[in-house]
Protein backbone atom coordinates (compact mmCIF):
# COMPACT_ATOMS: atom_id res chain seq x y z
CA UNK A 1 -73.46 -108.01 22.79
CA UNK A 2 -73.02 -105.28 20.18
CA UNK A 3 -71.83 -101.77 20.73
CA UNK A 4 -72.99 -98.85 18.68
CA UNK A 5 -71.10 -95.67 18.16
CA UNK A 6 -73.27 -92.58 17.88
CA UNK A 7 -73.06 -90.93 14.50
CA UNK A 8 -69.42 -91.84 14.04
CA UNK A 9 -67.78 -92.36 10.70
CA UNK A 10 -67.18 -96.08 10.10
CA UNK A 11 -63.83 -95.17 8.59
CA UNK A 12 -61.86 -92.81 10.80
CA UNK A 13 -60.33 -89.87 9.00
CA UNK A 14 -56.61 -89.90 8.58
CA UNK A 15 -54.17 -87.07 8.07
CA UNK A 16 -54.51 -87.33 4.30
CA UNK A 17 -58.20 -86.43 4.51
CA UNK A 18 -57.42 -83.42 6.68
CA UNK A 19 -54.72 -82.24 4.28
CA UNK A 20 -57.04 -82.69 1.30
CA UNK A 21 -59.63 -80.57 3.11
CA UNK A 22 -56.93 -77.99 3.72
CA UNK A 23 -55.99 -77.99 0.02
CA UNK A 24 -59.63 -77.38 -0.93
CA UNK A 25 -59.89 -74.54 1.60
CA UNK A 26 -56.66 -72.98 0.36
CA UNK A 27 -57.85 -73.20 -3.24
CA UNK A 28 -61.03 -71.36 -2.27
CA UNK A 29 -59.04 -68.69 -0.43
CA UNK A 30 -56.64 -68.32 -3.38
CA UNK A 31 -59.58 -67.86 -5.76
CA UNK A 32 -61.09 -65.21 -3.51
CA UNK A 33 -57.82 -63.32 -3.15
CA UNK A 34 -57.30 -63.58 -6.92
CA UNK A 35 -60.71 -62.00 -7.45
CA UNK A 36 -59.87 -59.21 -5.00
CA UNK A 37 -56.56 -58.69 -6.80
CA UNK A 38 -58.37 -58.35 -10.12
CA UNK A 39 -60.83 -55.86 -8.66
CA UNK A 40 -58.01 -53.86 -7.07
CA UNK A 41 -56.07 -53.71 -10.34
CA UNK A 42 -59.19 -52.68 -12.27
CA UNK A 43 -60.55 -50.03 -9.92
CA UNK A 44 -57.68 -48.81 -7.76
CA UNK A 45 -55.47 -47.20 -10.37
CA UNK A 46 -54.15 -44.34 -8.24
CA UNK A 47 -50.47 -44.85 -7.31
CA UNK A 48 -51.43 -44.44 -3.64
CA UNK A 49 -53.01 -47.90 -3.83
CA UNK A 50 -49.79 -49.62 -4.92
CA UNK A 51 -49.05 -50.92 -1.40
CA UNK A 52 -52.51 -52.51 -1.22
CA UNK A 53 -52.08 -54.16 -4.61
CA UNK A 54 -48.64 -55.43 -3.52
CA UNK A 55 -50.10 -56.86 -0.28
CA UNK A 56 -52.80 -58.66 -2.25
CA UNK A 57 -50.16 -60.06 -4.61
CA UNK A 58 -48.05 -61.26 -1.68
CA UNK A 59 -51.06 -62.81 0.07
CA UNK A 60 -52.06 -64.60 -3.12
CA UNK A 61 -48.54 -65.94 -3.63
CA UNK A 62 -48.36 -67.13 0.00
CA UNK A 63 -51.67 -68.99 -0.22
CA UNK A 64 -50.68 -70.60 -3.51
CA UNK A 65 -47.33 -71.68 -2.02
CA UNK A 66 -49.12 -73.21 0.97
CA UNK A 67 -51.48 -75.03 -1.39
CA UNK A 68 -48.57 -76.44 -3.41
CA UNK A 69 -46.90 -77.65 -0.20
CA UNK A 70 -50.12 -79.26 1.04
CA UNK A 71 -50.60 -81.05 -2.28
CA UNK A 72 -46.98 -82.24 -2.12
CA UNK A 73 -47.61 -83.68 1.32
CA UNK A 74 -50.72 -85.49 0.10
CA UNK A 75 -48.71 -87.07 -2.73
CA UNK A 76 -45.96 -88.09 -0.32
CA UNK A 77 -48.49 -89.75 2.00
CA UNK A 78 -50.02 -91.59 -0.95
CA UNK A 79 -46.58 -92.89 -1.86
CA UNK A 80 -46.30 -91.24 -5.27
């Protein structure tokens, strides 16, 4: 007797796959925030917008730091 599993992946995903997906998502978010940062620096030149530009810079740095950490964890899981 054979059992079939409905639409399941023959190779179950492991944590490494999830972290790699996270790295891709973080890279996309970092690119988007970087674009917003560029637009803010180009168009929002009034000193009143300095806090907004600083928040964008901090958000960008935080996302990039999270991406670096996620990549580090992928390498550790791969045994590099």
